[in-house]
Protein backbone atom coordinates (compact mmCIF):
# COMPACT_ATOMS: atom_id res chain seq x y z
CA UNK A 1 28.72 29.42 17.55
CA UNK A 2 25.43 30.37 16.15
CA UNK A 3 26.00 30.83 12.01
CA UNK A 4 22.72 31.92 10.46
CA UNK A 5 23.79 30.24 6.87
CA UNK A 6 23.65 26.75 8.73
CA UNK A 7 20.09 25.15 8.48
CA UNK A 8 19.11 22.77 11.53
CA UNK A 9 16.00 20.53 11.52
CA UNK A 10 14.75 18.48 14.09
CA UNK A 11 11.88 16.01 15.36
CA UNK A 12 10.55 15.03 18.61
CA UNK A 13 11.14 11.29 19.91
CA UNK A 14 9.81 9.59 22.62
CA UNK A 15 10.94 11.77 25.75
CA UNK A 16 13.34 13.27 23.47
CA UNK A 17 14.56 15.70 20.35
CA UNK A 18 16.55 14.83 17.40
CA UNK A 19 18.42 17.45 15.58
CA UNK A 20 20.32 17.48 12.54
CA UNK A 21 22.45 20.13 10.86
CA UNK A 22 24.70 19.50 7.76
CA UNK A 23 26.44 15.88 8.65
CA UNK A 24 25.55 15.65 12.24
CA UNK A 25 22.68 14.06 13.90
CA UNK A 26 22.05 13.96 17.79
CA UNK A 27 19.47 12.47 19.98
CA UNK A 28 18.84 13.62 23.45
CA UNK A 29 16.51 11.81 25.70
CA UNK A 30 15.17 12.63 29.16
CA UNK A 31 16.10 9.58 31.69
CA UNK A 32 13.73 8.52 34.67
CA UNK A 33 16.64 9.66 36.77
CA UNK A 34 16.28 13.03 35.52
CA UNK A 35 19.51 13.23 33.59
CA UNK A 36 19.76 13.81 29.78
CA UNK A 37 21.36 11.05 27.72
CA UNK A 38 22.71 11.96 24.27
CA UNK A 39 23.43 10.17 21.16
CA UNK A 40 25.49 11.72 18.29
CA UNK A 41 26.42 10.55 14.87
CA UNK A 42 27.95 11.55 11.51
CA UNK A 43 25.95 11.19 8.78
CA UNK A 44 26.95 11.57 5.26
CA UNK A 45 24.08 13.17 2.96
CA UNK A 46 23.62 11.37 -0.37
CA UNK A 47 24.13 15.10 -2.00
CA UNK A 48 27.66 15.18 -0.69
CA UNK A 49 28.71 12.04 -2.45
CA UNK A 50 26.54 12.88 -5.54
CA UNK A 51 26.34 16.34 -6.30
CA UNK A 52 23.68 16.30 -8.76
CA UNK A 53 21.28 15.18 -6.05
CA UNK A 54 21.61 18.76 -4.48
CA UNK A 55 20.01 20.61 -7.35
CA UNK A 56 16.52 22.13 -6.54
CA UNK A 57 13.66 19.79 -6.74
CA UNK A 58 15.76 16.63 -6.67
CA UNK A 59 17.57 17.67 -3.40
CA UNK A 60 14.20 17.78 -1.68
CA UNK A 61 12.96 14.49 -2.62
CA UNK A 62 16.35 13.13 -1.68
CA UNK A 63 16.10 14.95 1.75
CA UNK A 64 12.63 13.74 2.16
CA UNK A 65 13.40 10.07 2.15
CA UNK A 66 16.88 10.80 3.95
CA UNK A 67 14.82 12.66 6.77
CA UNK A 68 12.31 9.44 6.55
CA UNK A 69 15.09 6.79 7.26
CA UNK A 70 17.02 9.35 10.09
CA UNK A 71 13.56 9.94 11.62
CA UNK A 72 12.77 6.27 12.04
CA UNK A 73 16.28 5.55 13.30
CA UNK A 74 16.17 8.42 15.97
CA UNK A 75 12.77 7.01 17.25
CA UNK A 76 13.97 3.56 17.35
CA UNK A 77 17.23 4.71 19.11
CA UNK A 78 14.75 6.77 21.75
CA UNK A 79 12.44 3.88 22.03
CA UNK A 80 15.82 1.36 22.77
CA UNK A 81 16.99 3.99 25.38
CA UNK A 82 13.57 3.80 26.82
CA UNK A 83 13.52 0.06 26.79
CA UNK A 84 16.76 0.03 28.19
CA UNK A 85 15.85 1.80 31.21
CA UNK A 86 12.90 -1.13 31.87
CA UNK A 87 15.43 -3.81 31.23
CA UNK A 88 14.35 -4.55 28.10
CA UNK A 89 15.84 -4.10 24.41
CA UNK A 90 14.44 -3.90 20.77
CA UNK A 91 15.62 -6.07 18.27
CA UNK A 92 16.52 -5.41 14.47
CA UNK A 93 13.55 -7.23 13.10
CA UNK A 94 10.84 -5.29 15.53
CA UNK A 95 12.51 -2.04 14.12
CA UNK A 96 12.13 -3.52 10.57
CA UNK A 97 8.60 -4.70 10.97
CA UNK A 98 7.33 -1.33 12.32
CA UNK A 99 9.07 0.53 9.56
CA UNK A 100 7.26 -1.84 7.11
CA UNK A 101 3.97 -1.28 8.73
CA UNK A 102 4.18 2.26 9.04
CA UNK A 103 4.95 2.52 5.22
CA UNK A 104 2.21 0.21 4.17
CA UNK A 105 -0.15 2.19 6.38
CA UNK A 106 0.76 5.40 4.80
CA UNK A 107 0.62 4.34 1.53
CA UNK A 108 -3.03 2.35 2.14
CA UNK A 109 -4.37 5.90 3.59
CA UNK A 110 -2.95 8.48 1.79
CA UNK A 111 -2.78 6.95 -1.80
CA UNK A 112 -4.92 3.68 -2.41
CA UNK A 113 -7.82 4.67 0.10
CA UNK A 114 -8.57 8.40 -1.19
CA UNK A 115 -8.22 7.36 -5.26
CA UNK A 116 -10.50 4.09 -4.37
CA UNK A 117 -13.02 6.26 -2.63
CA UNK A 118 -12.86 8.74 -5.25
CA UNK A 119 -14.20 6.36 -7.96
CA UNK A 120 -17.47 6.15 -6.18
CA UNK A 121 -18.33 9.05 -7.10
CA UNK A 122 -21.38 9.48 -9.37
CA UNK A 123 -20.33 9.34 -13.12
CA UNK A 124 -19.99 12.33 -15.53
CA UNK A 125 -17.19 14.36 -13.65
CA UNK A 126 -14.57 15.44 -15.37
CA UNK A 127 -11.50 13.87 -14.55
CA UNK A 128 -10.02 17.14 -13.17
CA UNK A 129 -13.09 17.11 -10.86
CA UNK A 130 -12.30 13.38 -10.01
CA UNK A 131 -8.91 14.44 -8.99
CA UNK A 132 -9.94 17.39 -6.93
CA UNK A 133 -12.57 14.82 -5.19
CA UNK A 134 -9.54 12.57 -4.31
CA UNK A 135 -7.30 15.30 -3.05
CA UNK A 136 -10.01 16.63 -0.79
CA UNK A 137 -10.52 12.79 0.40
CA UNK A 138 -6.66 12.44 1.08
CA UNK A 139 -6.58 15.85 2.74
CA UNK A 140 -9.53 15.00 5.00
CA UNK A 141 -8.12 11.70 5.81
CA UNK A 142 -5.02 13.39 6.87
CA UNK A 143 -6.50 15.79 8.86
CA UNK A 144 -8.55 12.89 10.71
CA UNK A 145 -5.43 11.00 11.19
CA UNK A 146 -3.90 13.98 12.71
CA UNK A 147 -7.10 14.61 15.06
CA UNK A 148 -7.27 11.22 16.45
CA UNK A 149 -3.31 11.23 17.06
CA UNK A 150 -4.06 14.28 19.16
CA UNK A 151 -6.69 12.48 21.01
CA UNK A 152 -4.13 9.70 22.29
CA UNK A 153 -2.63 11.11 25.91
CA UNK A 154 0.57 9.32 25.36
CA UNK A 155 1.07 11.77 22.59
CA UNK A 156 0.83 14.91 24.57
CA UNK A 157 4.50 14.58 25.69
CA UNK A 158 5.76 14.12 22.23
CA UNK A 159 3.95 17.15 21.07
CA UNK A 160 5.63 19.09 23.92
CA UNK A 161 8.93 17.52 22.85
CA UNK A 162 7.91 18.98 19.24
CA UNK A 163 7.31 22.64 20.42
CA UNK A 164 10.42 22.52 22.33
CA UNK A 165 12.33 21.74 19.15
CA UNK A 166 10.89 24.25 17.15
CA UNK A 167 11.56 26.96 20.26
CA UNK A 168 15.30 25.70 19.96
CA UNK A 169 15.52 26.21 16.55
CA UNK A 170 14.15 29.73 16.59
CA UNK A 171 16.59 30.65 19.47
CA UNK A 172 19.31 29.54 17.41
CA UNK A 173 17.95 31.30 14.27
CA UNK A 174 17.51 34.38 16.24
CA UNK A 175 21.30 34.50 17.31
CA UNK A 176 20.72 34.71 21.03
CA UNK A 177 22.29 32.98 23.58
CA UNK A 178 20.99 29.26 23.79
CA UNK A 179 19.60 29.08 27.17
CA UNK A 180 16.42 27.73 28.40
CA UNK A 181 14.98 31.20 29.37
CA UNK A 182 15.88 32.69 25.90
CA UNK A 183 14.14 30.09 24.12
CA UNK A 184 11.21 29.81 26.01
CA UNK A 185 9.99 33.37 24.56
CA UNK A 186 9.82 31.94 20.93
CA UNK A 187 6.84 30.06 19.34
CA UNK A 188 6.25 26.56 19.24
CA UNK A 189 4.83 26.86 15.50
CA UNK A 190 7.73 26.77 12.88
CA UNK A 191 7.38 27.76 9.22
CA UNK A 192 9.76 24.95 8.31
CA UNK A 193 7.96 22.17 9.97
CA UNK A 194 7.22 18.56 8.79
CA UNK A 195 3.57 19.03 9.67
CA UNK A 196 3.62 22.23 7.26
CA UNK A 197 5.42 20.09 4.53
CA UNK A 198 3.11 17.44 4.62
CA UNK A 199 -0.01 19.81 4.27
CA UNK A 200 1.73 21.38 1.10
CA UNK A 201 2.60 17.77 -0.24
CA UNK A 202 -1.08 17.17 0.02
CA UNK A 203 -2.31 20.16 -2.04
CA UNK A 204 0.43 20.17 -4.56
CA UNK A 205 -0.38 16.57 -5.03
CA UNK A 206 -3.88 17.57 -6.35
CA UNK A 207 -2.58 19.68 -8.88
CA UNK A 208 0.15 17.46 -10.07
CA UNK A 209 -2.02 14.57 -10.29
CA UNK A 210 -4.49 16.41 -12.51
CA UNK A 211 -2.30 16.46 -15.14
CA UNK A 212 -2.41 12.43 -15.83
CA UNK A 213 -6.42 12.45 -16.07
CA UNK A 214 -8.32 9.34 -14.61
CA UNK A 215 -6.87 6.01 -15.80
CA UNK A 216 -7.73 2.96 -14.28
CA UNK A 217 -7.14 2.03 -10.46
CA UNK A 218 -4.19 0.43 -10.85
CA UNK A 219 -2.48 3.06 -12.95
CA UNK A 220 -3.37 5.49 -10.81
CA UNK A 221 -1.86 4.35 -7.91
CA UNK A 222 1.04 3.63 -9.80
CA UNK A 223 1.28 7.11 -11.12
CA UNK A 224 0.94 8.50 -7.77
CA UNK A 225 3.44 6.43 -6.09
CA UNK A 226 5.92 7.37 -8.85
CA UNK A 227 5.08 11.01 -8.76
CA UNK A 228 5.86 11.05 -5.17
CA UNK A 229 9.29 12.25 -5.35
CA UNK A 230 8.41 15.51 -7.39
CA UNK A 231 5.61 16.29 -5.14
CA UNK A 232 8.32 15.96 -2.30
CA UNK A 233 10.70 17.97 -4.19
CA UNK A 234 8.59 20.72 -5.45
CA UNK A 235 7.06 20.87 -1.50
CA UNK A 236 10.66 21.49 -0.21
CA UNK A 237 11.49 24.07 -2.65
CA UNK A 238 8.15 26.19 -1.48
CA UNK A 239 8.49 25.69 2.08
CA UNK A 240 12.12 26.73 1.96
CA UNK A 241 11.37 29.69 -0.19
CA UNK A 242 8.37 30.46 2.46
CA UNK A 243 10.52 30.15 5.10
CA UNK A 244 13.32 33.22 3.70
CA UNK A 245 10.55 35.43 1.91
CA UNK A 246 8.96 38.59 3.50
CA UNK A 247 6.19 38.32 0.68
CA UNK A 248 2.88 38.79 1.99
CA UNK A 249 1.53 36.33 -0.41
CA UNK A 250 4.32 33.28 0.49
CA UNK A 251 3.23 34.02 3.94
CA UNK A 252 -0.45 33.49 3.31
CA UNK A 253 0.37 30.34 1.57
CA UNK A 254 2.52 28.82 4.66
CA UNK A 255 -0.23 30.32 7.18
CA UNK A 256 -2.44 27.00 7.02
CA UNK A 257 0.70 24.92 7.99
CA UNK A 258 1.14 27.21 10.94
CA UNK A 259 -2.24 26.71 11.93
CA UNK A 260 -1.91 22.93 11.65
CA UNK A 261 0.97 22.63 13.88
CA UNK A 262 -1.35 24.20 16.74
CA UNK A 263 -2.46 20.15 16.44
CA UNK A 264 1.06 18.80 16.76
CA UNK A 265 2.93 21.17 19.15
CA UNK A 266 2.43 21.83 22.95
CA UNK A 267 3.62 24.25 25.22
CA UNK A 268 6.93 22.80 26.49
CA UNK A 269 8.35 22.77 30.39
CA UNK A 270 11.67 24.12 30.67
CA UNK A 271 13.28 20.26 31.46
CA UNK A 272 11.91 19.55 27.79
CA UNK A 273 13.54 22.80 26.55
CA UNK A 274 16.88 21.89 27.83
CA UNK A 275 16.57 18.33 26.18
CA UNK A 276 16.22 20.39 22.94
CA UNK A 277 19.02 22.63 23.42
CA UNK A 278 21.34 19.76 24.37
CA UNK A 279 20.29 17.84 20.96
CA UNK A 280 20.96 21.52 19.48
CA UNK A 281 24.53 22.25 20.83
CA UNK A 282 25.70 18.64 19.83
CA UNK A 283 25.03 19.24 15.97
CA UNK A 284 26.34 22.65 16.05
CA UNK A 285 30.46 21.43 15.90
CA UNK A 286 33.13 20.64 18.15
CA UNK A 287 32.33 23.67 20.39
CA UNK A 288 28.64 23.12 20.70
CA UNK A 289 28.83 19.51 21.44
CA UNK A 290 31.44 19.90 24.02
CA UNK A 291 29.32 22.54 26.01
CA UNK A 292 26.28 20.32 25.53
CA UNK A 293 28.44 17.25 26.83
CA UNK A 294 29.47 19.38 30.17
CA UNK A 295 26.52 21.53 30.80
CA UNK A 296 23.56 19.52 30.02
CA UNK A 297 24.05 16.20 29.45
CA UNK A 298 25.93 14.03 31.96
CA UNK A 299 26.34 10.43 31.26
CA UNK A 300 26.62 11.23 27.49
CA UNK A 301 27.15 7.99 25.05
CA UNK A 302 28.52 9.44 22.29
CA UNK A 303 29.74 8.58 19.22
CA UNK A 304 30.76 11.56 17.65
């Protein structure tokens, strides 16, 4: 069942974990009665329909935006599961509003605010220096944002599920049995984590934006938004390379991202790892899905 060539990714959701492998996604959530619900679906990657989108760099931008949409959907499904237990439901317009507000907040915090604050620097700085200042402000805002999120007590369980996701993926990549006891032996810090990816995006953006000088504010914002797919594509290729390579230099590049993950992951308990393994088994093919349903996910709601 464990095939090394398969690449598995995922994310933590509300009281659960989402896993993705090729054209499958699965969201496993812990219910209040201690059972595990499972929603499994097939997705059609854009690169599967348009092979050109699978080319290096371009594939990274596509995967970035696909992952964003799938991640939001996974969060909505986990939120719907939680609300359903409380006798409520999440409406489509509420989901759309949350996505819209989230994207707007991200653009303001990480693009508009840093470039606006950088213009307040004393005159005489070279455009490269101004871009460096802007990049450092963007990085500082990102780190401050992460720090504030970690101070939110309700997020501690989400971070623990994030750690469970990493342990489960490590267990699969190690080729061992997908069991709770085995998975618990692995680290919560994974080189292909989205936290590391975002840090690389922040650093690479400083370099790329510097090539365009320091035009007026409106043009700067437009350039940064237009370059976002390129930054995401290059960051994806770099993090993919560092995950496979044994080069000390590349390992050094990925190390800050691993340090940063100490803020966004927590040590999971056995129940949380069980949920992560449930989602993982469901995306590894028919046998994995069957084992997951029978062994770990009673009361499964599956659309595969």
